[in-house]
């Protein structure tokens, strides 16, 4: 069964997350937010150096589930072009052309005078000791400003930790008056915090010039970006560029947390990364039927073109034993002049277990004949027996595979070497493409996994089983023609639920359409828009559901009801004249 949603889109805003060029840069966006029994490894080095540039990341724990390598390159000017090649643990990660103001690489953030921050997925290449070699060339300056490795690892012997990994490339500068930027860590902390650790990364920052870093409005440091790294009171390196620091922010942690970078009198300040790690006193209560894993923003922006979301011929898989496969075909039709901006694959899985114990699946995924790895994983679970089996949404960047219309095939294989089993609720494919015939539209893409169930036996109320998410930013409702909200909710099939958009409530929304294991709802919410931070709430009242995606698309232009019917004024004038002629004849 196929379910296709087509919406129209516009030009990129200063993006929450994008990969191209922007003079003022790209705000930091949480590319991964989860809870894990284990931790997050963060390391980097070693200041500015010439090509070839080498670094070693040692003592990376076992059990890594996610790892990104970051590389900073100096362009010199925004017009200069060149290239960078990276080898990680003897694996060639490829050569990227760096195009300055014309850069469109999906894994490159370029700002200011050609300052590049580049990321690579190295999850499958990670080891205890990791060597990286970076080589640059072309017209660019070519110096490497620094490199960093961020890795998430499982370790059942460690306590639960909630973490946020944020990336971007903010160019705070005196030329445009871009002085400060605030980053919010989505979610509400309800557990007692044992420790809170904040890592910050900068590409540029001058020693002795008082930029500031604040956490929840508490001053953490003056001259936070001093162009180096301090460890145990000693500088590991010092220059005017790459800066990596760790801050203890336990005393300032709140239920909702944010940081603010302010350049002060520093001419240029370029934050490119932030990692927040929360360790809880008595474990994390996030694994439950309450709404505790809010969906996060993958992208927010504008472009001229269309967006297509389809689940192809998805259906519920039933139990997948080791070596079993699940296949979904997608038929994609794009306009002749369309160019793909990005494409994203969502694997919605559930009921993962071995014997009577919940576990996480060993999943191998291929798309268009190529094996792919997730760049985001979201999971949740009930948190108590019986049947404490997790579910999840795994997210994949398939931009390189989807370059035009056609038929595409996704295959999920249970790659477990033991007796792990899991089921698939379905697979979704999102394709965003540029089209010169499209309209101007602003959009938000949310993704995640939040199991909710208003369970009377468990004393969980509908209010507690309500997933909340905010489409942040300002809009002008008077200049909106339509506003299409699409929500994807696994297992929403009984109608014992509600969708709320700001103050508007819709009851019984999720009734198993297109099928009981994957409910998709699309509706126009234009009449209920507000000017700032529109909120969605998905409420369970005894259904058991897993909100997994939410898309809001705002079509700019006049609403049809505010426009006159074409030709109506002319018709009215003609009728008026005819009536006057008839009246005049009768009077004569």
Protein backbone atom coordinates (compact mmCIF):
# COMPACT_ATOMS: atom_id res chain seq x y z
CA UNK A 1 0.00 0.00 0.00
CA UNK A 2 1.37 3.42 -0.88
CA UNK A 3 0.95 6.66 0.99
CA UNK A 4 2.46 9.71 -0.70
CA UNK A 5 2.46 13.28 0.53
CA UNK A 6 3.67 16.01 -1.80
CA UNK A 7 4.29 19.51 -0.54
CA UNK A 8 5.94 22.53 -2.07
CA UNK A 9 8.97 24.37 -0.69
CA UNK A 10 11.62 27.60 -0.86
CA UNK A 11 15.29 29.01 -0.45
CA UNK A 12 17.24 28.10 2.75
CA UNK A 13 16.91 30.28 5.87
CA UNK A 14 19.96 30.78 8.01
CA UNK A 15 19.61 27.26 8.73
CA UNK A 16 19.29 25.34 11.90
CA UNK A 17 21.18 22.68 10.02
CA UNK A 18 22.29 22.84 6.44
CA UNK A 19 25.34 22.11 4.40
CA UNK A 20 26.37 24.89 2.05
CA UNK A 21 27.73 28.44 2.51
CA UNK A 22 26.40 31.23 4.73
CA UNK A 23 28.31 34.37 5.65
CA UNK A 24 26.93 34.42 9.22
CA UNK A 25 27.12 30.66 9.44
CA UNK A 26 24.86 27.90 10.68
CA UNK A 27 23.48 27.66 14.19
CA UNK A 28 24.34 24.52 16.15
CA UNK A 29 21.69 21.83 15.81
CA UNK A 30 21.33 18.65 17.89
CA UNK A 31 22.14 15.91 15.41
CA UNK A 32 21.85 13.24 18.11
CA UNK A 33 19.93 13.19 21.41
CA UNK A 34 19.45 9.95 23.31
CA UNK A 35 19.89 8.12 26.61
CA UNK A 36 22.49 5.39 26.93
CA UNK A 37 24.03 3.15 29.58
CA UNK A 38 27.56 4.20 28.72
CA UNK A 39 28.82 7.59 27.68
CA UNK A 40 30.17 9.98 25.06
CA UNK A 41 33.86 10.19 24.14
CA UNK A 42 35.05 13.66 23.05
CA UNK A 43 38.61 14.47 22.06
CA UNK A 44 40.48 16.65 19.60
CA UNK A 45 43.66 18.35 18.59
CA UNK A 46 45.96 19.94 18.10
CA UNK A 47 45.65 23.44 16.74
CA UNK A 48 46.57 24.90 13.36
CA UNK A 49 48.96 22.92 11.17
CA UNK A 50 49.95 22.50 7.55
CA UNK A 51 48.97 19.69 5.20
CA UNK A 52 49.38 16.75 5.64
CA UNK A 53 48.01 16.95 9.17
CA UNK A 54 47.92 13.96 11.54
CA UNK A 55 46.20 13.24 14.85
CA UNK A 56 45.63 10.15 17.01
CA UNK A 57 42.56 9.59 19.19
CA UNK A 58 43.40 7.09 21.91
CA UNK A 59 41.49 5.12 24.53
CA UNK A 60 38.15 5.08 22.75
CA UNK A 61 35.89 2.68 24.72
CA UNK A 62 34.44 -0.49 23.23
CA UNK A 63 30.78 -0.70 22.27
CA UNK A 64 30.67 2.38 20.01
CA UNK A 65 27.25 2.84 18.41
CA UNK A 66 27.84 6.22 16.75
CA UNK A 67 30.99 8.14 15.83
CA UNK A 68 31.67 11.32 13.87
CA UNK A 69 35.01 12.76 12.89
CA UNK A 70 35.18 16.54 12.44
CA UNK A 71 37.78 18.43 10.41
CA UNK A 72 38.36 22.20 10.26
CA UNK A 73 40.00 23.68 7.14
CA UNK A 74 41.00 27.29 6.46
CA UNK A 75 39.92 28.56 3.05
CA UNK A 76 41.48 32.02 3.30
CA UNK A 77 38.73 33.65 1.25
CA UNK A 78 35.17 32.71 0.47
CA UNK A 79 35.95 32.69 -3.27
CA UNK A 80 38.92 30.29 -3.11
CA UNK A 81 38.34 26.66 -4.05
CA UNK A 82 40.25 23.51 -3.26
CA UNK A 83 39.92 20.00 -1.86
CA UNK A 84 40.41 17.88 1.24
CA UNK A 85 41.15 14.16 1.58
CA UNK A 86 40.81 12.27 4.87
CA UNK A 87 42.15 8.83 5.79
CA UNK A 88 40.87 7.34 9.08
CA UNK A 89 42.42 4.12 10.39
CA UNK A 90 43.66 3.40 6.85
CA UNK A 91 40.14 3.84 5.43
CA UNK A 92 40.00 6.45 2.67
CA UNK A 93 36.97 8.63 3.46
CA UNK A 94 37.20 10.24 0.03
CA UNK A 95 38.09 13.60 -1.49
CA UNK A 96 35.71 16.55 -1.14
CA UNK A 97 35.80 19.59 -3.41
CA UNK A 98 35.61 22.75 -1.29
CA UNK A 99 33.77 25.42 -3.28
CA UNK A 100 33.55 28.43 -0.94
CA UNK A 101 30.40 30.49 -1.51
CA UNK A 102 29.20 27.86 -4.02
CA UNK A 103 29.69 24.90 -1.69
CA UNK A 104 26.79 22.42 -1.57
CA UNK A 105 28.45 19.38 0.03
CA UNK A 106 25.94 17.78 2.43
CA UNK A 107 28.57 17.21 5.14
CA UNK A 108 30.27 20.63 4.93
CA UNK A 109 29.45 23.80 6.86
CA UNK A 110 31.22 26.81 5.31
CA UNK A 111 30.99 30.37 6.68
CA UNK A 112 32.79 33.71 6.80
CA UNK A 113 35.99 33.89 4.78
CA UNK A 114 35.86 30.26 3.74
CA UNK A 115 36.05 28.60 7.16
CA UNK A 116 35.12 24.93 6.73
CA UNK A 117 33.81 22.48 9.34
CA UNK A 118 33.39 19.02 7.83
CA UNK A 119 31.98 15.83 9.34
CA UNK A 120 32.44 12.14 8.49
CA UNK A 121 30.59 9.07 9.76
CA UNK A 122 33.30 6.72 11.09
CA UNK A 123 31.14 4.39 13.20
CA UNK A 124 32.21 1.31 11.24
CA UNK A 125 35.92 2.20 11.32
CA UNK A 126 36.38 2.97 15.01
CA UNK A 127 39.05 1.30 17.18
CA UNK A 128 40.65 1.82 20.59
CA UNK A 129 43.38 3.92 18.98
CA UNK A 130 42.46 5.92 15.89
CA UNK A 131 44.80 7.64 13.44
CA UNK A 132 43.63 10.32 11.03
CA UNK A 133 45.57 12.00 8.20
CA UNK A 134 44.17 15.11 6.50
CA UNK A 135 45.52 16.40 3.18
CA UNK A 136 44.42 19.60 1.44
CA UNK A 137 45.16 21.32 -1.86
CA UNK A 138 43.99 23.80 -4.48
CA UNK A 139 43.63 27.59 -4.22
CA UNK A 140 42.49 27.58 -0.59
CA UNK A 141 44.83 28.51 2.27
CA UNK A 142 44.84 24.79 3.06
CA UNK A 143 45.92 24.84 6.69
CA UNK A 144 44.05 22.45 8.96
CA UNK A 145 42.66 24.26 12.01
CA UNK A 146 42.01 21.12 14.03
CA UNK A 147 40.11 17.85 14.22
CA UNK A 148 37.79 16.22 16.74
CA UNK A 149 36.23 12.81 17.36
CA UNK A 150 32.85 12.35 19.09
CA UNK A 151 31.76 8.77 19.83
CA UNK A 152 28.77 7.34 21.71
CA UNK A 153 29.37 3.98 23.41
CA UNK A 154 27.37 1.33 25.27
CA UNK A 155 28.69 0.06 28.61
CA UNK A 156 26.15 -1.71 30.87
CA UNK A 157 28.47 -1.21 33.87
CA UNK A 158 28.08 2.59 33.63
CA UNK A 159 25.12 4.71 34.72
CA UNK A 160 22.49 6.07 32.36
CA UNK A 161 23.42 9.31 30.66
CA UNK A 162 21.35 11.61 28.50
CA UNK A 163 23.31 13.44 25.85
CA UNK A 164 22.99 15.99 23.06
CA UNK A 165 25.53 16.30 20.22
CA UNK A 166 25.24 19.63 18.38
CA UNK A 167 27.09 20.74 15.24
CA UNK A 168 27.15 23.71 12.89
CA UNK A 169 29.44 26.64 12.08
CA UNK A 170 28.42 29.97 13.63
CA UNK A 171 30.29 33.04 12.40
CA UNK A 172 29.91 35.69 15.11
CA UNK A 173 31.61 38.80 13.72
CA UNK A 174 31.78 42.57 13.94
CA UNK A 175 31.27 43.17 10.22
CA UNK A 176 27.61 42.12 10.14
CA UNK A 177 26.88 42.73 13.82
CA UNK A 178 26.26 39.04 14.42
CA UNK A 179 27.16 39.16 18.10
CA UNK A 180 25.61 36.18 19.87
CA UNK A 181 23.73 32.94 19.37
CA UNK A 182 21.78 30.68 21.74
CA UNK A 183 21.52 26.90 21.45
CA UNK A 184 18.71 25.03 23.20
CA UNK A 185 18.95 21.40 24.21
CA UNK A 186 15.45 20.06 23.48
CA UNK A 187 13.72 18.06 26.18
CA UNK A 188 12.70 18.32 29.80
CA UNK A 189 14.92 16.97 32.59
CA UNK A 190 12.82 15.33 35.31
CA UNK A 191 15.50 13.20 37.02
CA UNK A 192 17.92 14.31 39.72
CA UNK A 193 21.19 15.27 38.05
CA UNK A 194 24.40 13.76 39.42
CA UNK A 195 26.68 15.55 36.98
CA UNK A 196 26.42 17.72 33.89
CA UNK A 197 29.33 18.13 31.49
CA UNK A 198 29.51 20.56 28.58
CA UNK A 199 32.05 20.35 25.75
CA UNK A 200 32.52 23.30 23.39
CA UNK A 201 34.45 23.54 20.11
CA UNK A 202 35.48 26.69 18.24
CA UNK A 203 37.28 27.22 14.92
CA UNK A 204 38.33 30.76 15.83
CA UNK A 205 38.79 32.70 19.06
CA UNK A 206 41.48 35.07 20.32
CA UNK A 207 43.26 34.69 23.63
CA UNK A 208 42.80 37.60 26.02
CA UNK A 209 39.73 38.98 24.25
CA UNK A 210 36.63 38.67 26.37
CA UNK A 211 34.10 36.58 24.56
CA UNK A 212 31.71 34.84 26.98
CA UNK A 213 30.01 31.48 27.37
CA UNK A 214 26.87 31.20 29.48
CA UNK A 215 24.85 28.14 30.51
CA UNK A 216 21.24 28.84 31.50
CA UNK A 217 22.23 32.53 31.86
CA UNK A 218 25.06 31.68 34.28
CA UNK A 219 28.48 32.91 33.18
CA UNK A 220 30.69 29.85 32.69
CA UNK A 221 33.76 31.57 31.31
CA UNK A 222 35.16 34.81 30.00
CA UNK A 223 37.52 34.33 27.08
CA UNK A 224 36.06 30.83 26.74
CA UNK A 225 37.52 30.52 23.24
CA UNK A 226 41.16 31.33 23.93
CA UNK A 227 42.41 29.37 20.93
CA UNK A 228 43.65 26.25 22.68
CA UNK A 229 42.88 23.46 25.08
CA UNK A 230 43.42 23.50 28.81
CA UNK A 231 43.76 20.19 30.67
CA UNK A 232 44.60 19.97 34.38
CA UNK A 233 45.66 23.62 34.33
CA UNK A 234 48.09 23.14 31.44
CA UNK A 235 47.63 24.09 27.79
CA UNK A 236 47.87 21.11 25.43
CA UNK A 237 48.15 23.60 22.54
CA UNK A 238 47.70 27.36 22.06
CA UNK A 239 46.96 29.29 18.88
CA UNK A 240 44.37 31.74 17.63
CA UNK A 241 42.08 29.14 16.12
CA UNK A 242 40.93 25.67 17.16
CA UNK A 243 39.63 25.52 20.72
CA UNK A 244 38.24 22.51 22.64
CA UNK A 245 37.18 22.78 26.28
CA UNK A 246 35.23 20.84 28.88
CA UNK A 247 33.06 22.56 31.51
CA UNK A 248 31.38 21.28 34.68
CA UNK A 249 27.87 22.79 34.61
CA UNK A 250 26.23 20.57 37.24
CA UNK A 251 25.35 23.46 39.56
CA UNK A 252 23.53 25.32 36.79
CA UNK A 253 21.52 22.49 35.20
CA UNK A 254 17.74 22.98 34.92
CA UNK A 255 14.74 21.14 33.54
CA UNK A 256 15.40 22.89 30.19
CA UNK A 257 18.94 23.89 29.25
CA UNK A 258 20.64 26.27 26.83
CA UNK A 259 23.98 27.89 26.13
CA UNK A 260 24.79 31.30 24.67
CA UNK A 261 27.94 32.20 22.77
CA UNK A 262 28.70 35.96 22.81
CA UNK A 263 31.70 37.37 20.97
CA UNK A 264 32.00 40.40 23.31
CA UNK A 265 34.81 42.46 21.79
CA UNK A 266 36.31 39.52 19.92
CA UNK A 267 36.24 40.40 16.22
CA UNK A 268 35.48 36.84 15.15
CA UNK A 269 34.18 33.90 17.15
CA UNK A 270 33.25 30.62 15.47
CA UNK A 271 31.54 27.97 17.62
CA UNK A 272 31.20 24.71 15.67
CA UNK A 273 30.22 22.12 18.25
CA UNK A 274 28.69 21.51 21.67
CA UNK A 275 28.11 18.26 23.57
CA UNK A 276 26.02 18.18 26.75
CA UNK A 277 26.10 15.03 28.91
CA UNK A 278 23.72 14.58 31.87
CA UNK A 279 24.36 11.78 34.39
CA UNK A 280 21.46 10.98 36.71
CA UNK A 281 21.55 10.09 40.41
CA UNK A 282 19.25 7.07 40.28
CA UNK A 283 19.28 6.15 36.63
CA UNK A 284 17.08 7.72 33.96
CA UNK A 285 13.31 7.47 34.05
CA UNK A 286 13.14 8.17 30.32
CA UNK A 287 12.35 4.58 29.39
CA UNK A 288 8.63 4.48 30.09
CA UNK A 289 5.19 4.99 28.59
CA UNK A 290 5.37 8.70 29.43
CA UNK A 291 6.36 11.28 26.82
CA UNK A 292 10.06 11.55 27.60
CA UNK A 293 11.80 11.52 24.20
CA UNK A 294 10.67 14.61 22.27
CA UNK A 295 11.20 14.63 18.51
CA UNK A 296 14.18 16.73 17.44
CA UNK A 297 14.63 19.07 14.49
CA UNK A 298 16.61 17.59 11.60
CA UNK A 299 16.20 20.58 9.28
CA UNK A 300 14.39 23.90 9.22
CA UNK A 301 14.64 26.09 6.18
CA UNK A 302 13.12 27.29 2.94
CA UNK A 303 13.57 26.47 -0.74
CA UNK A 304 11.81 26.66 -4.08
CA UNK A 305 10.62 23.19 -4.99
CA UNK A 306 8.78 20.23 -3.54
CA UNK A 307 8.99 17.66 -0.79
CA UNK A 308 7.85 14.09 -1.24
CA UNK A 309 7.29 11.65 1.63
CA UNK A 310 6.29 8.07 0.82
CA UNK A 311 6.22 4.73 2.58
CA UNK A 312 6.17 2.90 -0.75
CA UNK A 313 4.63 -0.56 -0.42
CA UNK A 314 5.47 -0.82 3.28
CA UNK A 315 3.51 -3.19 5.48
CA UNK A 316 4.08 -4.76 8.89
CA UNK A 317 6.85 -7.35 8.62
CA UNK A 318 5.96 -9.73 11.40
CA UNK A 319 8.84 -11.24 13.35
CA UNK A 320 12.20 -11.14 11.52
CA UNK A 321 14.48 -14.01 12.53
CA UNK A 322 18.27 -13.91 11.92
CA UNK A 323 19.07 -13.64 8.17
CA UNK A 324 15.46 -12.74 7.34
CA UNK A 325 14.91 -9.68 5.13
CA UNK A 326 12.21 -7.03 4.70
CA UNK A 327 11.91 -5.21 1.36
CA UNK A 328 10.11 -2.00 0.41
CA UNK A 329 9.92 -0.47 -3.09
CA UNK A 330 9.44 3.26 -3.66
CA UNK A 331 8.26 4.84 -6.92
CA UNK A 332 9.54 8.42 -7.07
CA UNK A 333 8.35 10.89 -9.72
CA UNK A 334 10.23 14.18 -9.97
CA UNK A 335 9.78 17.08 -12.41
CA UNK A 336 12.13 17.15 -15.37
CA UNK A 337 14.05 20.18 -14.05
CA UNK A 338 14.19 18.98 -10.45
CA UNK A 339 17.47 18.65 -8.56
CA UNK A 340 17.54 16.76 -5.27
CA UNK A 341 18.45 18.88 -2.25
CA UNK A 342 18.56 15.94 0.14
CA UNK A 343 16.90 12.57 0.71
CA UNK A 344 16.31 10.75 3.96
CA UNK A 345 15.28 7.17 4.75
CA UNK A 346 13.46 6.26 7.98
CA UNK A 347 13.38 2.67 9.29
CA UNK A 348 10.63 2.26 11.90
CA UNK A 349 11.35 -0.89 13.93
CA UNK A 350 9.77 -2.41 17.04
CA UNK A 351 9.54 -5.40 19.41
CA UNK A 352 13.28 -6.22 19.47
CA UNK A 353 14.23 -9.02 21.85
CA UNK A 354 16.23 -12.18 22.52
CA UNK A 355 14.49 -14.91 24.47
CA UNK A 356 12.46 -12.89 27.02
CA UNK A 357 14.81 -9.90 27.20
CA UNK A 358 14.59 -6.64 25.31
CA UNK A 359 17.63 -5.82 23.19
CA UNK A 360 18.65 -3.60 20.28
CA UNK A 361 18.57 -5.06 16.77
CA UNK A 362 21.55 -6.00 14.64
CA UNK A 363 20.16 -4.41 11.50
CA UNK A 364 21.81 -4.28 8.08
CA UNK A 365 20.18 -1.85 5.65
CA UNK A 366 20.77 -1.38 1.94
CA UNK A 367 19.23 1.19 -0.37
CA UNK A 368 19.48 1.27 -4.16
CA UNK A 369 21.90 -1.65 -3.91
CA UNK A 370 24.29 0.05 -1.47
CA UNK A 371 24.74 -0.76 2.21
CA UNK A 372 24.08 2.35 4.32
CA UNK A 373 24.60 3.34 7.95
CA UNK A 374 22.33 5.52 10.09
CA UNK A 375 23.45 9.05 10.92
CA UNK A 376 20.77 9.29 13.62
CA UNK A 377 19.24 6.63 15.86
CA UNK A 378 16.29 7.19 18.21
CA UNK A 379 15.04 4.54 20.63
CA UNK A 380 12.59 4.17 23.49
CA UNK A 381 11.25 1.33 25.63
CA UNK A 382 8.70 0.60 28.31
CA UNK A 383 11.29 0.40 31.09
CA UNK A 384 9.68 -2.34 33.16
CA UNK A 385 8.64 -5.99 32.76
CA UNK A 386 6.99 -7.80 31.15
CA UNK A 387 7.79 -7.33 27.45
CA UNK A 388 10.25 -4.50 27.96
CA UNK A 389 11.13 -4.55 24.26
CA UNK A 390 12.54 -1.39 22.63
CA UNK A 391 11.38 0.33 19.46
CA UNK A 392 13.23 2.83 17.31
CA UNK A 393 13.55 5.12 14.33
CA UNK A 394 16.83 4.79 12.42
CA UNK A 395 17.59 7.65 10.02
CA UNK A 396 19.78 7.45 6.91
CA UNK A 397 21.13 10.07 4.50
CA UNK A 398 20.43 8.69 1.00
CA UNK A 399 21.06 11.89 -0.94
CA UNK A 400 23.83 10.28 -2.98
CA UNK A 401 21.52 7.45 -4.04
CA UNK A 402 18.46 9.53 -5.00
CA UNK A 403 19.53 11.84 -7.79
CA UNK A 404 16.43 11.53 -9.99
CA UNK A 405 13.01 9.91 -10.18
CA UNK A 406 12.61 6.17 -10.53
CA UNK A 407 12.09 3.03 -8.49
CA UNK A 408 14.23 2.58 -5.38
CA UNK A 409 14.42 -0.45 -3.13
CA UNK A 410 15.26 -0.60 0.58
CA UNK A 411 16.16 -3.91 2.21
CA UNK A 412 16.42 -4.49 5.97
CA UNK A 413 18.18 -7.66 7.11
CA UNK A 414 18.34 -9.15 10.60
CA UNK A 415 22.13 -9.51 10.78
CA UNK A 416 22.19 -11.02 14.29
CA UNK A 417 24.62 -13.87 14.90
CA UNK A 418 22.53 -15.04 17.87
CA UNK A 419 18.75 -15.35 18.23
CA UNK A 420 17.77 -11.68 18.29
CA UNK A 421 14.46 -10.88 16.60
CA UNK A 422 12.71 -7.65 15.70
CA UNK A 423 9.83 -6.40 13.55
CA UNK A 424 9.45 -3.56 11.06
CA UNK A 425 6.49 -1.17 11.19
CA UNK A 426 7.53 0.24 7.83
CA UNK A 427 10.06 2.42 6.01
CA UNK A 428 9.61 6.05 4.97
CA UNK A 429 11.47 7.96 2.25
CA UNK A 430 11.68 11.77 2.30
CA UNK A 431 12.93 13.55 -0.84
CA UNK A 432 13.36 17.33 -0.91
CA UNK A 433 14.11 18.77 -4.33
CA UNK A 434 14.54 22.14 -6.00
CA UNK A 435 12.08 23.03 -8.74
CA UNK A 436 12.04 26.45 -10.45
CA UNK A 437 8.25 26.12 -10.85
CA UNK A 438 7.66 25.62 -7.13
CA UNK A 439 6.41 28.12 -4.55
CA UNK A 440 8.09 29.75 -1.57
CA UNK A 441 7.59 27.66 1.52
CA UNK A 442 9.19 27.34 4.95
CA UNK A 443 9.50 23.88 6.45
CA UNK A 444 10.43 22.00 9.58
CA UNK A 445 11.41 18.30 9.73
CA UNK A 446 11.20 16.51 13.08
CA UNK A 447 12.30 12.96 13.81
CA UNK A 448 12.58 10.66 16.82
CA UNK A 449 10.92 7.83 18.75
CA UNK A 450 8.68 8.34 21.78
CA UNK A 451 6.56 5.44 23.06
CA UNK A 452 3.45 6.79 24.79
CA UNK A 453 0.61 4.93 26.49
CA UNK A 454 -1.93 6.26 28.97
CA UNK A 455 -1.90 3.19 31.18
CA UNK A 456 -4.34 3.17 34.10
CA UNK A 457 -2.59 0.18 35.68
CA UNK A 458 0.69 2.06 35.50
CA UNK A 459 -0.89 5.30 36.74
CA UNK A 460 0.09 7.14 33.56
CA UNK A 461 -2.40 9.84 32.60
CA UNK A 462 -3.09 11.13 29.06
CA UNK A 463 -1.35 14.38 30.04
CA UNK A 464 1.80 12.40 30.92
CA UNK A 465 1.48 10.36 27.72
CA UNK A 466 1.59 13.41 25.44
CA UNK A 467 4.51 13.97 23.08
CA UNK A 468 5.21 17.69 22.72
CA UNK A 469 7.25 19.40 20.04
CA UNK A 470 7.77 22.99 18.96
CA UNK A 471 8.35 24.30 15.45
CA UNK A 472 10.61 27.12 16.54
CA UNK A 473 10.77 30.45 14.77
CA UNK A 474 8.69 33.41 13.64
CA UNK A 475 6.13 33.35 10.86
CA UNK A 476 3.54 35.83 9.59
CA UNK A 477 0.14 34.06 9.55
CA UNK A 478 -1.40 36.81 7.40
CA UNK A 479 1.05 35.90 4.64
CA UNK A 480 0.32 32.16 4.69
CA UNK A 481 -1.74 30.44 2.00
CA UNK A 482 -1.64 26.97 3.56
CA UNK A 483 0.14 25.24 6.43
CA UNK A 484 0.34 21.47 6.08
CA UNK A 485 1.13 19.42 9.17
CA UNK A 486 2.07 15.77 8.62
CA UNK A 487 2.60 13.39 11.53
CA UNK A 488 3.87 9.80 11.35
CA UNK A 489 2.86 7.66 14.33
CA UNK A 490 3.73 3.97 14.51
CA UNK A 491 1.05 1.71 16.06
CA UNK A 492 -1.59 4.45 16.20
CA UNK A 493 -4.66 2.41 15.29
CA UNK A 494 -7.43 2.54 17.90
CA UNK A 495 -8.46 6.20 17.66
CA UNK A 496 -8.00 6.58 21.40
CA UNK A 497 -5.80 9.60 20.89
CA UNK A 498 -5.73 13.26 19.95
CA UNK A 499 -3.63 15.71 17.97
CA UNK A 500 -3.35 19.28 19.24
CA UNK A 501 -1.95 22.16 17.20
CA UNK A 502 -1.56 25.20 19.42
CA UNK A 503 -5.09 25.63 20.88
CA UNK A 504 -6.89 23.47 18.30
CA UNK A 505 -7.73 19.89 19.33
CA UNK A 506 -8.49 17.03 16.91
CA UNK A 507 -9.79 13.83 18.55
CA UNK A 508 -9.47 10.28 17.24
CA UNK A 509 -6.85 11.15 14.63
CA UNK A 510 -4.76 7.97 14.43
CA UNK A 511 -6.95 5.05 13.34
CA UNK A 512 -4.52 2.81 11.49
CA UNK A 513 -4.45 4.68 8.17
CA UNK A 514 -2.81 3.54 5.89
CA UNK A 515 -2.49 0.40 8.09
CA UNK A 516 -2.70 -0.36 11.78
CA UNK A 517 1.05 -0.48 12.43
CA UNK A 518 1.84 2.90 10.85
CA UNK A 519 -0.60 5.82 10.99
CA UNK A 520 0.01 8.94 8.90
CA UNK A 521 -2.07 12.10 9.26
CA UNK A 522 -1.96 15.17 7.02
CA UNK A 523 -4.03 18.32 7.60
CA UNK A 524 -4.10 22.06 6.90
CA UNK A 525 -3.56 23.99 10.16
CA UNK A 526 -3.31 27.49 8.65
CA UNK A 527 -6.24 28.86 10.66
CA UNK A 528 -4.55 27.90 13.92
CA UNK A 529 -1.05 29.25 13.28
CA UNK A 530 0.54 31.65 15.73
CA UNK A 531 3.37 34.07 15.02
CA UNK A 532 6.02 32.45 17.23
CA UNK A 533 6.92 28.84 18.10
CA UNK A 534 3.97 26.73 16.94
CA UNK A 535 3.38 23.72 19.21
CA UNK A 536 2.18 20.19 18.42
CA UNK A 537 1.00 17.70 21.04
CA UNK A 538 0.23 14.06 20.29
CA UNK A 539 -1.84 12.61 23.14
CA UNK A 540 -2.47 8.95 23.91
CA UNK A 541 -5.58 7.90 25.83
CA UNK A 542 -5.17 4.12 25.90
CA UNK A 543 -4.01 3.49 22.31
CA UNK A 544 -0.22 2.79 22.63
CA UNK A 545 1.58 4.84 19.97
CA UNK A 546 5.07 5.82 18.85
CA UNK A 547 5.31 9.35 17.37
CA UNK A 548 8.22 9.18 14.91
CA UNK A 549 8.07 12.11 12.47
CA UNK A 550 6.40 15.49 12.14
CA UNK A 551 6.65 17.84 9.14
CA UNK A 552 5.25 21.38 9.05
CA UNK A 553 5.18 23.19 5.71
CA UNK A 554 4.11 26.84 5.50
CA UNK A 555 3.11 28.03 2.02
CA UNK A 556 3.63 31.77 1.66
CA UNK A 557 1.04 33.86 -0.16
CA UNK A 558 -2.52 35.11 0.25
CA UNK A 559 -5.15 32.66 1.44
CA UNK A 560 -7.78 31.94 -1.26
CA UNK A 561 -10.62 33.08 1.04
CA UNK A 562 -9.03 36.52 1.24
CA UNK A 563 -8.90 36.86 -2.54
CA UNK A 564 -11.77 37.82 -4.83
CA UNK A 565 -13.08 35.23 -7.24
CA UNK A 566 -11.40 35.87 -10.62
CA UNK A 567 -13.70 37.94 -12.85
CA UNK A 568 -16.29 38.46 -10.11
CA UNK A 569 -15.93 42.24 -10.10
CA UNK A 570 -16.44 42.43 -13.89
CA UNK A 571 -19.49 40.15 -13.75
CA UNK A 572 -20.99 42.21 -10.93
CA UNK A 573 -20.48 45.42 -12.95
CA UNK A 574 -22.16 43.94 -16.05
CA UNK A 575 -25.16 42.72 -14.05
CA UNK A 576 -25.51 46.12 -12.38
CA UNK A 577 -25.56 47.88 -15.78
CA UNK A 578 -28.17 45.42 -17.13
CA UNK A 579 -30.41 45.99 -14.11
CA UNK A 580 -30.14 49.77 -14.54
CA UNK A 581 -31.02 49.50 -18.26
CA UNK A 582 -34.10 47.34 -17.50
CA UNK A 583 -35.27 49.72 -14.78
CA UNK A 584 -34.75 52.74 -17.08
CA UNK A 585 -36.80 51.12 -19.89
CA UNK A 586 -39.69 50.32 -17.55
CA UNK A 587 -39.73 53.85 -16.20
CA UNK A 588 -39.84 55.26 -19.71
